[in-house]
């Protein structure tokens, strides 16, 4: 249920209130 931050490589929880996101053509990045 976690995804990888594409910049620093950390595993993040998309449902965490502190997790930030950006919509892209390929989907959502967290």
ModelCIF file with pLDDT and N, C-alpha, C, O atoms, coordinates in Angstrom:
data_MODEL
#
_entry.id   MODEL 
#
_entity.id                         1 
_entity.type                       polymer 
_entity.pdbx_number_of_molecules   1 
#
_entity_poly.entity_id                      1 
_entity_poly.type                           'polypeptide(L)' 
_entity_poly.nstd_linkage                   no 
_entity_poly.nstd_monomer                   no 
_entity_poly.pdbx_seq_one_letter_code       
;(UNK)(UNK)(UNK)(UNK)(UNK)(UNK)(UNK)(UNK)(UNK)(UNK)(UNK)(UNK)(UNK)(UNK)(UNK)(UNK)
(UNK)(UNK)(UNK)(UNK)(UNK)(UNK)(UNK)(UNK)(UNK)(UNK)(UNK)(UNK)(UNK)(UNK)
;
_entity_poly.pdbx_seq_one_letter_code_can   XXXXXXXXXXXXXXXXXXXXXXXXXXXXXX 
_entity_poly.pdbx_strand_id                 A 
#
loop_
_entity_poly_seq.entity_id 
_entity_poly_seq.num 
_entity_poly_seq.mon_id 
_entity_poly_seq.hetero 
1 1  UNK n 
1 2  UNK n 
1 3  UNK n 
1 4  UNK n 
1 5  UNK n 
1 6  UNK n 
1 7  UNK n 
1 8  UNK n 
1 9  UNK n 
1 10 UNK n 
1 11 UNK n 
1 12 UNK n 
1 13 UNK n 
1 14 UNK n 
1 15 UNK n 
1 16 UNK n 
1 17 UNK n 
1 18 UNK n 
1 19 UNK n 
1 20 UNK n 
1 21 UNK n 
1 22 UNK n 
1 23 UNK n 
1 24 UNK n 
1 25 UNK n 
1 26 UNK n 
1 27 UNK n 
1 28 UNK n 
1 29 UNK n 
1 30 UNK n 
#
_struct_asym.id          A 
_struct_asym.entity_id   1 
#
loop_
_ma_qa_metric.id 
_ma_qa_metric.mode 
_ma_qa_metric.name 
_ma_qa_metric.software_group_id 
_ma_qa_metric.type 
1 global pLDDT . pLDDT 
2 local  pLDDT . pLDDT 
#
_ma_qa_metric_global.metric_id      1 
_ma_qa_metric_global.metric_value   73.60 
_ma_qa_metric_global.model_id       1 
_ma_qa_metric_global.ordinal_id     1 
#
loop_
_ma_qa_metric_local.label_asym_id 
_ma_qa_metric_local.label_comp_id 
_ma_qa_metric_local.label_seq_id 
_ma_qa_metric_local.metric_id 
_ma_qa_metric_local.metric_value 
_ma_qa_metric_local.model_id 
_ma_qa_metric_local.ordinal_id 
A UNK 1  2 61.00 1 1  
A UNK 2  2 67.00 1 2  
A UNK 3  2 71.00 1 3  
A UNK 4  2 67.00 1 4  
A UNK 5  2 71.00 1 5  
A UNK 6  2 70.00 1 6  
A UNK 7  2 66.00 1 7  
A UNK 8  2 61.00 1 8  
A UNK 9  2 60.00 1 9  
A UNK 10 2 66.00 1 10 
A UNK 11 2 69.00 1 11 
A UNK 12 2 74.00 1 12 
A UNK 13 2 74.00 1 13 
A UNK 14 2 79.00 1 14 
A UNK 15 2 76.00 1 15 
A UNK 16 2 78.00 1 16 
A UNK 17 2 75.00 1 17 
A UNK 18 2 75.00 1 18 
A UNK 19 2 81.00 1 19 
A UNK 20 2 82.00 1 20 
A UNK 21 2 83.00 1 21 
A UNK 22 2 83.00 1 22 
A UNK 23 2 80.00 1 23 
A UNK 24 2 77.00 1 24 
A UNK 25 2 71.00 1 25 
A UNK 26 2 69.00 1 26 
A UNK 27 2 75.00 1 27 
A UNK 28 2 83.00 1 28 
A UNK 29 2 82.00 1 29 
A UNK 30 2 82.00 1 30 
#
loop_
_atom_site.group_PDB 
_atom_site.id 
_atom_site.type_symbol 
_atom_site.label_atom_id 
_atom_site.label_alt_id 
_atom_site.label_comp_id 
_atom_site.label_asym_id 
_atom_site.label_entity_id 
_atom_site.label_seq_id 
_atom_site.pdbx_PDB_ins_code 
_atom_site.Cartn_x 
_atom_site.Cartn_y 
_atom_site.Cartn_z 
_atom_site.occupancy 
_atom_site.B_iso_or_equiv 
_atom_site.pdbx_formal_charge 
_atom_site.auth_seq_id 
_atom_site.auth_comp_id 
_atom_site.auth_asym_id 
_atom_site.auth_atom_id 
_atom_site.pdbx_PDB_model_num 
ATOM 1   N N  . UNK A 1 1  ? 0.801  -1.214 0.000   1.00 61.00 ? 1  UNK A N  1 
ATOM 2   C CA . UNK A 1 1  ? 0.000  0.000  0.000   1.00 61.00 ? 1  UNK A CA 1 
ATOM 3   C C  . UNK A 1 1  ? 0.833  1.263  0.000   1.00 61.00 ? 1  UNK A C  1 
ATOM 4   O O  . UNK A 1 1  ? 0.284  2.363  0.067   1.00 61.00 ? 1  UNK A O  1 
ATOM 5   N N  . UNK A 1 2  ? 2.164  1.128  -0.075  1.00 67.00 ? 2  UNK A N  1 
ATOM 6   C CA . UNK A 1 2  ? 3.032  2.295  -0.130  1.00 67.00 ? 2  UNK A CA 1 
ATOM 7   C C  . UNK A 1 2  ? 3.559  2.485  -1.543  1.00 67.00 ? 2  UNK A C  1 
ATOM 8   O O  . UNK A 1 2  ? 3.550  1.560  -2.355  1.00 67.00 ? 2  UNK A O  1 
ATOM 9   N N  . UNK A 1 3  ? 4.014  3.689  -1.821  1.00 71.00 ? 3  UNK A N  1 
ATOM 10  C CA . UNK A 1 3  ? 4.621  4.004  -3.112  1.00 71.00 ? 3  UNK A CA 1 
ATOM 11  C C  . UNK A 1 3  ? 5.945  4.700  -2.858  1.00 71.00 ? 3  UNK A C  1 
ATOM 12  O O  . UNK A 1 3  ? 6.241  5.123  -1.740  1.00 71.00 ? 3  UNK A O  1 
ATOM 13  N N  . UNK A 1 4  ? 6.718  4.807  -3.895  1.00 67.00 ? 4  UNK A N  1 
ATOM 14  C CA . UNK A 1 4  ? 8.056  5.382  -3.764  1.00 67.00 ? 4  UNK A CA 1 
ATOM 15  C C  . UNK A 1 4  ? 8.074  6.825  -4.223  1.00 67.00 ? 4  UNK A C  1 
ATOM 16  O O  . UNK A 1 4  ? 7.586  7.146  -5.307  1.00 67.00 ? 4  UNK A O  1 
ATOM 17  N N  . UNK A 1 5  ? 8.636  7.698  -3.397  1.00 71.00 ? 5  UNK A N  1 
ATOM 18  C CA . UNK A 1 5  ? 8.882  9.081  -3.795  1.00 71.00 ? 5  UNK A CA 1 
ATOM 19  C C  . UNK A 1 5  ? 9.865  9.046  -4.962  1.00 71.00 ? 5  UNK A C  1 
ATOM 20  O O  . UNK A 1 5  ? 10.986 8.566  -4.795  1.00 71.00 ? 5  UNK A O  1 
ATOM 21  N N  . UNK A 1 6  ? 9.476  9.548  -6.153  1.00 70.00 ? 6  UNK A N  1 
ATOM 22  C CA . UNK A 1 6  ? 10.345 9.438  -7.324  1.00 70.00 ? 6  UNK A CA 1 
ATOM 23  C C  . UNK A 1 6  ? 11.601 10.292 -7.260  1.00 70.00 ? 6  UNK A C  1 
ATOM 24  O O  . UNK A 1 6  ? 12.478 10.163 -8.115  1.00 70.00 ? 6  UNK A O  1 
ATOM 25  N N  . UNK A 1 7  ? 11.704 11.165 -6.260  1.00 66.00 ? 7  UNK A N  1 
ATOM 26  C CA . UNK A 1 7  ? 12.879 12.032 -6.152  1.00 66.00 ? 7  UNK A CA 1 
ATOM 27  C C  . UNK A 1 7  ? 13.911 11.481 -5.181  1.00 66.00 ? 7  UNK A C  1 
ATOM 28  O O  . UNK A 1 7  ? 15.072 11.300 -5.549  1.00 66.00 ? 7  UNK A O  1 
ATOM 29  N N  . UNK A 1 8  ? 13.497 11.207 -3.925  1.00 61.00 ? 8  UNK A N  1 
ATOM 30  C CA . UNK A 1 8  ? 14.473 10.784 -2.914  1.00 61.00 ? 8  UNK A CA 1 
ATOM 31  C C  . UNK A 1 8  ? 14.485 9.284  -2.685  1.00 61.00 ? 8  UNK A C  1 
ATOM 32  O O  . UNK A 1 8  ? 15.405 8.772  -2.047  1.00 61.00 ? 8  UNK A O  1 
ATOM 33  N N  . UNK A 1 9  ? 13.474 8.556  -3.194  1.00 60.00 ? 9  UNK A N  1 
ATOM 34  C CA . UNK A 1 9  ? 13.450 7.107  -3.061  1.00 60.00 ? 9  UNK A CA 1 
ATOM 35  C C  . UNK A 1 9  ? 12.755 6.586  -1.826  1.00 60.00 ? 9  UNK A C  1 
ATOM 36  O O  . UNK A 1 9  ? 12.659 5.371  -1.652  1.00 60.00 ? 9  UNK A O  1 
ATOM 37  N N  . UNK A 1 10 ? 12.265 7.457  -0.959  1.00 66.00 ? 10 UNK A N  1 
ATOM 38  C CA . UNK A 1 10 ? 11.602 7.013  0.260   1.00 66.00 ? 10 UNK A CA 1 
ATOM 39  C C  . UNK A 1 10 ? 10.247 6.383  -0.051  1.00 66.00 ? 10 UNK A C  1 
ATOM 40  O O  . UNK A 1 10 ? 9.565  6.776  -0.997  1.00 66.00 ? 10 UNK A O  1 
ATOM 41  N N  . UNK A 1 11 ? 9.867  5.391  0.770   1.00 69.00 ? 11 UNK A N  1 
ATOM 42  C CA . UNK A 1 11 ? 8.544  4.796  0.664   1.00 69.00 ? 11 UNK A CA 1 
ATOM 43  C C  . UNK A 1 11 ? 7.554  5.670  1.422   1.00 69.00 ? 11 UNK A C  1 
ATOM 44  O O  . UNK A 1 11 ? 7.788  6.008  2.583   1.00 69.00 ? 11 UNK A O  1 
ATOM 45  N N  . UNK A 1 12 ? 6.453  6.038  0.781   1.00 74.00 ? 12 UNK A N  1 
ATOM 46  C CA . UNK A 1 12 ? 5.456  6.901  1.420   1.00 74.00 ? 12 UNK A CA 1 
ATOM 47  C C  . UNK A 1 12 ? 4.072  6.274  1.302   1.00 74.00 ? 12 UNK A C  1 
ATOM 48  O O  . UNK A 1 12 ? 3.797  5.508  0.379   1.00 74.00 ? 12 UNK A O  1 
ATOM 49  N N  . UNK A 1 13 ? 3.212  6.614  2.251   1.00 74.00 ? 13 UNK A N  1 
ATOM 50  C CA . UNK A 1 13 ? 1.837  6.131  2.263   1.00 74.00 ? 13 UNK A CA 1 
ATOM 51  C C  . UNK A 1 13 ? 0.948  7.156  1.578   1.00 74.00 ? 13 UNK A C  1 
ATOM 52  O O  . UNK A 1 13 ? 0.827  8.279  2.068   1.00 74.00 ? 13 UNK A O  1 
ATOM 53  N N  . UNK A 1 14 ? 0.317  6.803  0.451   1.00 79.00 ? 14 UNK A N  1 
ATOM 54  C CA . UNK A 1 14 ? -0.530 7.766  -0.270  1.00 79.00 ? 14 UNK A CA 1 
ATOM 55  C C  . UNK A 1 14 ? -1.681 8.296  0.574   1.00 79.00 ? 14 UNK A C  1 
ATOM 56  O O  . UNK A 1 14 ? -2.189 9.385  0.306   1.00 79.00 ? 14 UNK A O  1 
ATOM 57  N N  . UNK A 1 15 ? -2.099 7.545  1.587   1.00 76.00 ? 15 UNK A N  1 
ATOM 58  C CA . UNK A 1 15 ? -3.241 7.949  2.409   1.00 76.00 ? 15 UNK A CA 1 
ATOM 59  C C  . UNK A 1 15 ? -2.847 8.779  3.617   1.00 76.00 ? 15 UNK A C  1 
ATOM 60  O O  . UNK A 1 15 ? -3.712 9.236  4.365   1.00 76.00 ? 15 UNK A O  1 
ATOM 61  N N  . UNK A 1 16 ? -1.551 8.979  3.815   1.00 78.00 ? 16 UNK A N  1 
ATOM 62  C CA . UNK A 1 16 ? -1.086 9.787  4.940   1.00 78.00 ? 16 UNK A CA 1 
ATOM 63  C C  . UNK A 1 16 ? -1.374 11.263 4.663   1.00 78.00 ? 16 UNK A C  1 
ATOM 64  O O  . UNK A 1 16 ? -1.170 11.746 3.549   1.00 78.00 ? 16 UNK A O  1 
ATOM 65  N N  . UNK A 1 17 ? -1.849 11.972 5.687   1.00 75.00 ? 17 UNK A N  1 
ATOM 66  C CA . UNK A 1 17 ? -2.189 13.394 5.514   1.00 75.00 ? 17 UNK A CA 1 
ATOM 67  C C  . UNK A 1 17 ? -0.970 14.236 5.168   1.00 75.00 ? 17 UNK A C  1 
ATOM 68  O O  . UNK A 1 17 ? -1.106 15.287 4.542   1.00 75.00 ? 17 UNK A O  1 
ATOM 69  N N  . UNK A 1 18 ? 0.224  13.791 5.566   1.00 75.00 ? 18 UNK A N  1 
ATOM 70  C CA . UNK A 1 18 ? 1.439  14.562 5.291   1.00 75.00 ? 18 UNK A CA 1 
ATOM 71  C C  . UNK A 1 18 ? 2.026  14.282 3.912   1.00 75.00 ? 18 UNK A C  1 
ATOM 72  O O  . UNK A 1 18 ? 2.954  14.969 3.485   1.00 75.00 ? 18 UNK A O  1 
ATOM 73  N N  . UNK A 1 19 ? 1.497  13.282 3.214   1.00 81.00 ? 19 UNK A N  1 
ATOM 74  C CA . UNK A 1 19 ? 2.012  12.933 1.889   1.00 81.00 ? 19 UNK A CA 1 
ATOM 75  C C  . UNK A 1 19 ? 1.481  13.907 0.845   1.00 81.00 ? 19 UNK A C  1 
ATOM 76  O O  . UNK A 1 19 ? 0.282  14.182 0.796   1.00 81.00 ? 19 UNK A O  1 
ATOM 77  N N  . UNK A 1 20 ? 2.369  14.423 0.018   1.00 82.00 ? 20 UNK A N  1 
ATOM 78  C CA . UNK A 1 20 ? 1.999  15.358 -1.041  1.00 82.00 ? 20 UNK A CA 1 
ATOM 79  C C  . UNK A 1 20 ? 1.907  14.614 -2.361  1.00 82.00 ? 20 UNK A C  1 
ATOM 80  O O  . UNK A 1 20 ? 2.476  13.533 -2.507  1.00 82.00 ? 20 UNK A O  1 
ATOM 81  N N  . UNK A 1 21 ? 1.192  15.186 -3.323  1.00 83.00 ? 21 UNK A N  1 
ATOM 82  C CA . UNK A 1 21 ? 0.997  14.488 -4.591  1.00 83.00 ? 21 UNK A CA 1 
ATOM 83  C C  . UNK A 1 21 ? 0.939  15.456 -5.763  1.00 83.00 ? 21 UNK A C  1 
ATOM 84  O O  . UNK A 1 21 ? 0.704  16.652 -5.596  1.00 83.00 ? 21 UNK A O  1 
ATOM 85  N N  . UNK A 1 22 ? 1.159  14.909 -6.951  1.00 83.00 ? 22 UNK A N  1 
ATOM 86  C CA . UNK A 1 22 ? 1.060  15.654 -8.208  1.00 83.00 ? 22 UNK A CA 1 
ATOM 87  C C  . UNK A 1 22 ? 0.439  14.730 -9.244  1.00 83.00 ? 22 UNK A C  1 
ATOM 88  O O  . UNK A 1 22 ? 0.825  13.565 -9.349  1.00 83.00 ? 22 UNK A O  1 
ATOM 89  N N  . UNK A 1 23 ? -0.514 15.237 -10.003 1.00 80.00 ? 23 UNK A N  1 
ATOM 90  C CA . UNK A 1 23 ? -1.142 14.460 -11.071 1.00 80.00 ? 23 UNK A CA 1 
ATOM 91  C C  . UNK A 1 23 ? -0.322 14.596 -12.349 1.00 80.00 ? 23 UNK A C  1 
ATOM 92  O O  . UNK A 1 23 ? 0.040  15.702 -12.751 1.00 80.00 ? 23 UNK A O  1 
ATOM 93  N N  . UNK A 1 24 ? -0.031 13.457 -12.986 1.00 77.00 ? 24 UNK A N  1 
ATOM 94  C CA . UNK A 1 24 ? 0.712  13.447 -14.240 1.00 77.00 ? 24 UNK A CA 1 
ATOM 95  C C  . UNK A 1 24 ? -0.059 12.650 -15.281 1.00 77.00 ? 24 UNK A C  1 
ATOM 96  O O  . UNK A 1 24 ? -1.084 12.044 -14.968 1.00 77.00 ? 24 UNK A O  1 
ATOM 97  N N  . UNK A 1 25 ? 0.428  12.650 -16.515 1.00 71.00 ? 25 UNK A N  1 
ATOM 98  C CA . UNK A 1 25 ? -0.235 11.891 -17.575 1.00 71.00 ? 25 UNK A CA 1 
ATOM 99  C C  . UNK A 1 25 ? -0.209 10.396 -17.284 1.00 71.00 ? 25 UNK A C  1 
ATOM 100 O O  . UNK A 1 25 ? -1.097 9.662  -17.717 1.00 71.00 ? 25 UNK A O  1 
ATOM 101 N N  . UNK A 1 26 ? 0.809  9.940  -16.547 1.00 69.00 ? 26 UNK A N  1 
ATOM 102 C CA . UNK A 1 26 ? 0.933  8.516  -16.232 1.00 69.00 ? 26 UNK A CA 1 
ATOM 103 C C  . UNK A 1 26 ? 0.203  8.124  -14.952 1.00 69.00 ? 26 UNK A C  1 
ATOM 104 O O  . UNK A 1 26 ? 0.095  6.938  -14.641 1.00 69.00 ? 26 UNK A O  1 
ATOM 105 N N  . UNK A 1 27 ? -0.298 9.104  -14.209 1.00 75.00 ? 27 UNK A N  1 
ATOM 106 C CA . UNK A 1 27 ? -0.980 8.811  -12.950 1.00 75.00 ? 27 UNK A CA 1 
ATOM 107 C C  . UNK A 1 27 ? -0.549 9.791  -11.875 1.00 75.00 ? 27 UNK A C  1 
ATOM 108 O O  . UNK A 1 27 ? -0.057 10.877 -12.179 1.00 75.00 ? 27 UNK A O  1 
ATOM 109 N N  . UNK A 1 28 ? -0.733 9.412  -10.629 1.00 83.00 ? 28 UNK A N  1 
ATOM 110 C CA . UNK A 1 28 ? -0.417 10.274 -9.500  1.00 83.00 ? 28 UNK A CA 1 
ATOM 111 C C  . UNK A 1 28 ? 0.940  9.909  -8.909  1.00 83.00 ? 28 UNK A C  1 
ATOM 112 O O  . UNK A 1 28 ? 1.229  8.734  -8.681  1.00 83.00 ? 28 UNK A O  1 
ATOM 113 N N  . UNK A 1 29 ? 1.769  10.918 -8.662  1.00 82.00 ? 29 UNK A N  1 
ATOM 114 C CA . UNK A 1 29 ? 3.044  10.724 -7.989  1.00 82.00 ? 29 UNK A CA 1 
ATOM 115 C C  . UNK A 1 29 ? 2.928  11.282 -6.576  1.00 82.00 ? 29 UNK A C  1 
ATOM 116 O O  . UNK A 1 29 ? 2.289  12.311 -6.359  1.00 82.00 ? 29 UNK A O  1 
ATOM 117 N N  . UNK A 1 30 ? 3.557  10.590 -5.606  1.00 82.00 ? 30 UNK A N  1 
ATOM 118 C CA . UNK A 1 30 ? 3.462  10.984 -4.200  1.00 82.00 ? 30 UNK A CA 1 
ATOM 119 C C  . UNK A 1 30 ? 4.844  11.326 -3.660  1.00 82.00 ? 30 UNK A C  1 
ATOM 120 O O  . UNK A 1 30 ? 4.979  11.683 -2.489  1.00 82.00 ? 30 UNK A O  1 
#
